[in-house]
C-alpha atoms as a PDB file:
ATOM      1  CA  UNK A   1     -48.586  30.938  72.032  1.00  0.00           C
ATOM      2  CA  UNK A   2     -46.157  33.407  73.822  1.00  0.00           C
ATOM      3  CA  UNK A   3     -42.935  34.746  71.619  1.00  0.00           C
ATOM      4  CA  UNK A   4     -39.906  33.975  72.469  1.00  0.00           C
ATOM      5  CA  UNK A   5     -37.403  36.690  73.780  1.00  0.00           C
ATOM      6  CA  UNK A   6     -34.120  35.898  73.759  1.00  0.00           C
ATOM      7  CA  UNK A   7     -32.328  39.491  75.106  1.00  0.00           C
ATOM      8  CA  UNK A   8     -33.601  40.977  78.370  1.00  0.00           C
ATOM      9  CA  UNK A   9     -32.034  43.813  80.173  1.00  0.00           C
ATOM     10  CA  UNK A  10     -33.065  45.619  83.325  1.00  0.00           C
ATOM     11  CA  UNK A  11     -31.813  48.928  85.187  1.00  0.00           C
ATOM     12  CA  UNK A  12     -31.470  50.785  88.182  1.00  0.00           C
ATOM     13  CA  UNK A  13     -29.252  53.532  90.263  1.00  0.00           C
ATOM     14  CA  UNK A  14     -28.083  52.531  93.207  1.00  0.00           C
ATOM     15  CA  UNK A  15     -26.358  55.386  95.997  1.00  0.00           C
ATOM     16  CA  UNK A  16     -22.631  54.074  95.844  1.00  0.00           C
ATOM     17  CA  UNK A  17     -19.774  54.447  93.829  1.00  0.00           C
ATOM     18  CA  UNK A  18     -19.410  51.985  91.321  1.00  0.00           C
ATOM     19  CA  UNK A  19     -16.167  50.180  92.139  1.00  0.00           C
ATOM     20  CA  UNK A  20     -18.410  49.511  95.717  1.00  0.00           C
ATOM     21  CA  UNK A  21     -21.193  48.002  93.865  1.00  0.00           C
ATOM     22  CA  UNK A  22     -18.958  45.765  91.008  1.00  0.00           C
ATOM     23  CA  UNK A  23     -17.160  44.146  94.093  1.00  0.00           C
ATOM     24  CA  UNK A  24     -20.313  43.589  95.701  1.00  0.00           C
ATOM     25  CA  UNK A  25     -22.100  42.035  92.464  1.00  0.00           C
ATOM     26  CA  UNK A  26     -18.786  40.249  91.167  1.00  0.00           C
ATOM     27  CA  UNK A  27     -18.446  38.440  94.063  1.00  0.00           C
ATOM     28  CA  UNK A  28     -20.894  35.812  93.301  1.00  0.00           C
ATOM     29  CA  UNK A  29     -21.052  33.994  96.377  1.00  0.00           C
ATOM     30  CA  UNK A  30     -23.456  36.664  97.489  1.00  0.00           C
ATOM     31  CA  UNK A  31     -25.737  36.673  94.616  1.00  0.00           C
ATOM     32  CA  UNK A  32     -28.215  34.668  97.376  1.00  0.00           C
ATOM     33  CA  UNK A  33     -28.794  37.232  99.160  1.00  0.00           C
ATOM     34  CA  UNK A  34     -30.392  39.014  96.103  1.00  0.00           C
ATOM     35  CA  UNK A  35     -31.764  36.890  93.459  1.00  0.00           C
ATOM     36  CA  UNK A  36     -35.478  35.399  94.140  1.00  0.00           C
ATOM     37  CA  UNK A  37     -34.228  32.293  91.955  1.00  0.00           C
ATOM     38  CA  UNK A  38     -30.290  31.912  93.130  1.00  0.00           C
ATOM     39  CA  UNK A  39     -30.078  30.340  96.836  1.00  0.00           C
ATOM     40  CA  UNK A  40     -25.903  30.049  96.723  1.00  0.00           C
ATOM     41  CA  UNK A  41     -23.260  29.835  94.473  1.00  0.00           C
ATOM     42  CA  UNK A  42     -19.718  27.796  95.403  1.00  0.00           C
ATOM     43  CA  UNK A  43     -16.355  28.742  93.937  1.00  0.00           C
ATOM     44  CA  UNK A  44     -13.719  26.963  94.752  1.00  0.00           C
ATOM     45  CA  UNK A  45     -10.942  29.601  94.505  1.00  0.00           C
ATOM     46  CA  UNK A  46     -12.242  32.795  95.217  1.00  0.00           C
ATOM     47  CA  UNK A  47     -11.777  35.668  94.127  1.00  0.00           C
ATOM     48  CA  UNK A  48     -13.528  35.491  90.817  1.00  0.00           C
ATOM     49  CA  UNK A  49     -11.353  36.520  87.380  1.00  0.00           C
ATOM     50  CA  UNK A  50     -11.877  36.012  83.926  1.00  0.00           C
ATOM     51  CA  UNK A  51     -12.357  32.012  83.672  1.00  0.00           C
ATOM     52  CA  UNK A  52     -13.385  31.452  86.963  1.00  0.00           C
ATOM     53  CA  UNK A  53     -16.232  28.410  87.610  1.00  0.00           C
ATOM     54  CA  UNK A  54     -18.747  28.414  89.931  1.00  0.00           C
ATOM     55  CA  UNK A  55     -21.816  26.122  90.741  1.00  0.00           C
ATOM     56  CA  UNK A  56     -25.021  27.565  91.058  1.00  0.00           C
ATOM     57  CA  UNK A  57     -27.860  26.237  93.272  1.00  0.00           C
ATOM     58  CA  UNK A  58     -31.408  27.803  92.534  1.00  0.00           C
ATOM     59  CA  UNK A  59     -34.894  27.295  93.243  1.00  0.00           C
ATOM     60  CA  UNK A  60     -38.014  28.682  92.120  1.00  0.00           C
ATOM     61  CA  UNK A  61     -41.332  26.766  94.012  1.00  0.00           C
ATOM     62  CA  UNK A  62     -40.608  23.327  94.351  1.00  0.00           C
ATOM     63  CA  UNK A  63     -38.096  23.371  91.693  1.00  0.00           C
ATOM     64  CA  UNK A  64     -34.654  23.159  92.784  1.00  0.00           C
ATOM     65  CA  UNK A  65     -31.550  22.527  90.235  1.00  0.00           C
ATOM     66  CA  UNK A  66     -27.687  23.699  90.139  1.00  0.00           C
ATOM     67  CA  UNK A  67     -25.899  25.722  87.124  1.00  0.00           C
ATOM     68  CA  UNK A  68     -22.176  25.487  86.209  1.00  0.00           C
ATOM     69  CA  UNK A  69     -20.792  28.554  85.035  1.00  0.00           C
ATOM     70  CA  UNK A  70     -17.849  30.746  84.520  1.00  0.00           C
ATOM     71  CA  UNK A  71     -17.020  34.365  84.202  1.00  0.00           C
ATOM     72  CA  UNK A  72     -16.714  35.464  81.268  1.00  0.00           C
ATOM     73  CA  UNK A  73     -15.564  39.445  82.008  1.00  0.00           C
ATOM     74  CA  UNK A  74     -14.512  41.150  84.748  1.00  0.00           C
ATOM     75  CA  UNK A  75     -13.182  44.916  84.208  1.00  0.00           C
ATOM     76  CA  UNK A  76     -13.176  46.995  87.522  1.00  0.00           C
ATOM     77  CA  UNK A  77     -14.222  50.307  87.503  1.00  0.00           C
ATOM     78  CA  UNK A  78     -11.363  52.740  86.908  1.00  0.00           C
ATOM     79  CA  UNK A  79     -10.482  56.766  85.827  1.00  0.00           C
ATOM     80  CA  UNK A  80     -11.496  58.367  83.278  1.00  0.00           C
ATOM     81  CA  UNK A  81     -14.995  57.090  82.467  1.00  0.00           C
ATOM     82  CA  UNK A  82     -15.561  55.025  85.827  1.00  0.00           C
ATOM     83  CA  UNK A  83     -17.590  52.078  84.244  1.00  0.00           C
ATOM     84  CA  UNK A  84     -17.518  48.404  85.022  1.00  0.00           C
ATOM     85  CA  UNK A  85     -18.508  45.138  83.710  1.00  0.00           C
ATOM     86  CA  UNK A  86     -19.432  41.762  85.047  1.00  0.00           C
ATOM     87  CA  UNK A  87     -20.267  38.813  83.128  1.00  0.00           C
ATOM     88  CA  UNK A  88     -20.507  34.914  83.297  1.00  0.00           C
ATOM     89  CA  UNK A  89     -21.999  31.872  81.256  1.00  0.00           C
ATOM     90  CA  UNK A  90     -24.344  29.070  82.906  1.00  0.00           C
ATOM     91  CA  UNK A  91     -25.000  26.163  81.600  1.00  0.00           C
ATOM     92  CA  UNK A  92     -25.909  22.440  82.598  1.00  0.00           C
ATOM     93  CA  UNK A  93     -24.742  19.029  81.634  1.00  0.00           C
ATOM     94  CA  UNK A  94     -21.863  20.947  79.216  1.00  0.00           C
ATOM     95  CA  UNK A  95     -25.415  22.827  77.448  1.00  0.00           C
ATOM     96  CA  UNK A  96     -25.275  26.503  77.470  1.00  0.00           C
ATOM     97  CA  UNK A  97     -28.085  28.132  79.044  1.00  0.00           C
ATOM     98  CA  UNK A  98     -27.899  31.755  79.529  1.00  0.00           C
ATOM     99  CA  UNK A  99     -25.261  34.668  79.478  1.00  0.00           C
ATOM    100  CA  UNK A 100     -25.622  37.234  82.508  1.00  0.00           C
ATOM    101  CA  UNK A 101     -23.920  40.687  82.497  1.00  0.00           C
ATOM    102  CA  UNK A 102     -24.065  43.399  84.670  1.00  0.00           C
ATOM    103  CA  UNK A 103     -22.357  47.362  83.839  1.00  0.00           C
ATOM    104  CA  UNK A 104     -21.738  49.586  86.424  1.00  0.00           C
ATOM    105  CA  UNK A 105     -21.609  53.098  85.186  1.00  0.00           C
ATOM    106  CA  UNK A 106     -21.889  56.985  87.074  1.00  0.00           C
ATOM    107  CA  UNK A 107     -24.636  58.601  87.464  1.00  0.00           C
ATOM    108  CA  UNK A 108     -25.081  61.484  89.739  1.00  0.00           C
ATOM    109  CA  UNK A 109     -23.970  61.200  93.025  1.00  0.00           C
ATOM    110  CA  UNK A 110     -24.317  56.504  92.252  1.00  0.00           C
ATOM    111  CA  UNK A 111     -24.407  53.979  90.062  1.00  0.00           C
ATOM    112  CA  UNK A 112     -26.743  53.154  87.452  1.00  0.00           C
ATOM    113  CA  UNK A 113     -26.467  49.205  86.905  1.00  0.00           C
ATOM    114  CA  UNK A 114     -27.804  47.626  84.052  1.00  0.00           C
ATOM    115  CA  UNK A 115     -28.277  43.240  84.515  1.00  0.00           C
ATOM    116  CA  UNK A 116     -28.779  41.931  80.909  1.00  0.00           C
ATOM    117  CA  UNK A 117     -29.788  38.017  80.257  1.00  0.00           C
ATOM    118  CA  UNK A 118     -29.154  36.190  77.050  1.00  0.00           C
ATOM    119  CA  UNK A 119     -30.598  33.182  76.375  1.00  0.00           C
ATOM    120  CA  UNK A 120     -27.953  30.822  74.865  1.00  0.00           C
ATOM    121  CA  UNK A 121     -30.132  28.014  74.194  1.00  0.00           C
ATOM    122  CA  UNK A 122     -29.767  27.665  70.536  1.00  0.00           C
ATOM    123  CA  UNK A 123     -28.418  25.860  67.982  1.00  0.00           C
ATOM    124  CA  UNK A 124     -27.441  21.830  68.504  1.00  0.00           C
ATOM    125  CA  UNK A 125     -28.496  20.296  72.290  1.00  0.00           C
ATOM    126  CA  UNK A 126     -31.206  23.633  72.321  1.00  0.00           C
ATOM    127  CA  UNK A 127     -34.252  20.878  72.616  1.00  0.00           C
ATOM    128  CA  UNK A 128     -32.549  19.053  75.548  1.00  0.00           C
ATOM    129  CA  UNK A 129     -31.605  22.609  77.083  1.00  0.00           C
ATOM    130  CA  UNK A 130     -35.430  23.817  76.701  1.00  0.00           C
ATOM    131  CA  UNK A 131     -36.316  20.342  78.021  1.00  0.00           C
ATOM    132  CA  UNK A 132     -34.006  20.496  81.282  1.00  0.00           C
ATOM    133  CA  UNK A 133     -35.336  24.172  81.533  1.00  0.00           C
ATOM    134  CA  UNK A 134     -39.247  22.937  82.208  1.00  0.00           C
ATOM    135  CA  UNK A 135     -38.511  19.652  83.813  1.00  0.00           C
ATOM    136  CA  UNK A 136     -35.629  21.269  86.449  1.00  0.00           C
ATOM    137  CA  UNK A 137     -36.457  24.517  87.200  1.00  0.00           C
ATOM    138  CA  UNK A 138     -40.610  24.347  85.688  1.00  0.00           C
ATOM    139  CA  UNK A 139     -40.117  27.341  82.997  1.00  0.00           C
ATOM    140  CA  UNK A 140     -41.109  26.789  79.199  1.00  0.00           C
ATOM    141  CA  UNK A 141     -38.717  28.201  76.935  1.00  0.00           C
ATOM    142  CA  UNK A 142     -41.636  31.000  75.750  1.00  0.00           C
ATOM    143  CA  UNK A 143     -42.085  32.199  79.801  1.00  0.00           C
ATOM    144  CA  UNK A 144     -38.582  32.355  80.713  1.00  0.00           C
ATOM    145  CA  UNK A 145     -38.258  36.077  79.725  1.00  0.00           C
ATOM    146  CA  UNK A 146     -41.495  37.017  82.180  1.00  0.00           C
ATOM    147  CA  UNK A 147     -40.095  35.122  84.688  1.00  0.00           C
ATOM    148  CA  UNK A 148     -36.106  36.497  84.663  1.00  0.00           C
ATOM    149  CA  UNK A 149     -37.761  40.124  84.208  1.00  0.00           C
ATOM    150  CA  UNK A 150     -39.335  39.613  87.752  1.00  0.00           C
ATOM    151  CA  UNK A 151     -36.146  38.182  89.061  1.00  0.00           C
ATOM    152  CA  UNK A 152     -33.867  40.943  87.568  1.00  0.00           C
ATOM    153  CA  UNK A 153     -36.183  43.609  89.376  1.00  0.00           C
ATOM    154  CA  UNK A 154     -36.588  41.928  92.213  1.00  0.00           C
ATOM    155  CA  UNK A 155     -32.574  41.383  92.148  1.00  0.00           C
ATOM    156  CA  UNK A 156     -32.188  45.041  91.602  1.00  0.00           C
ATOM    157  CA  UNK A 157     -33.857  46.164  94.292  1.00  0.00           C
ATOM    158  CA  UNK A 158     -32.272  44.245  96.675  1.00  0.00           C
ATOM    159  CA  UNK A 159     -28.946  45.106  96.026  1.00  0.00           C
ATOM    160  CA  UNK A 160     -29.717  49.058  96.045  1.00  0.00           C
ATOM    161  CA  UNK A 161     -31.462  48.185  99.570  1.00  0.00           C
ATOM    162  CA  UNK A 162     -28.234  46.673 100.305  1.00  0.00           C
ATOM    163  CA  UNK A 163     -26.331  49.903  98.603  1.00  0.00           C
ATOM    164  CA  UNK A 164     -27.810  52.123 101.449  1.00  0.00           C
ATOM    165  CA  UNK A 165     -30.903  53.696  99.585  1.00  0.00           C
ATOM    166  CA  UNK A 166     -34.664  52.983  98.187  1.00  0.00           C
ATOM    167  CA  UNK A 167     -33.552  51.989  94.386  1.00  0.00           C
ATOM    168  CA  UNK A 168     -34.479  54.399  91.522  1.00  0.00           C
ATOM    169  CA  UNK A 169     -36.061  53.578  88.206  1.00  0.00           C
ATOM    170  CA  UNK A 170     -33.161  54.164  85.799  1.00  0.00           C
END
């Protein structure tokens, strides 16, 4: 049996300023361009602000599902360090599923983008959340990290391509 992992991190260096990359990623309505699972995001009152709620529409193979989310972190890159952050929590039917985060740090003439995922399916409701993930997304909890690692790498590579050059591993 595969050991379940609870945290995951991937990073890449893209050819754009931290503020520009932050602006792209924090507009969740564009996430469907990069993510292999997210097909779109509906946000009732853009632009994104801390506390903004949204609905994500997802697909992987024959599996279709939605998640509800709330933006938890929104810090635009500013002097002196030009580091920014963006994060959100997603769930389904009121059960916490995951926390996604992005960190934007200057690196050379570009930006090192770090994407993180944390599994929030713990405590009360965890078994139900695990079951819902298996039924709706077709992924058992112990395999979610493999699926997410591949998805995060694809997402970051597509983001880097949108930023103007072939990505460099960070």
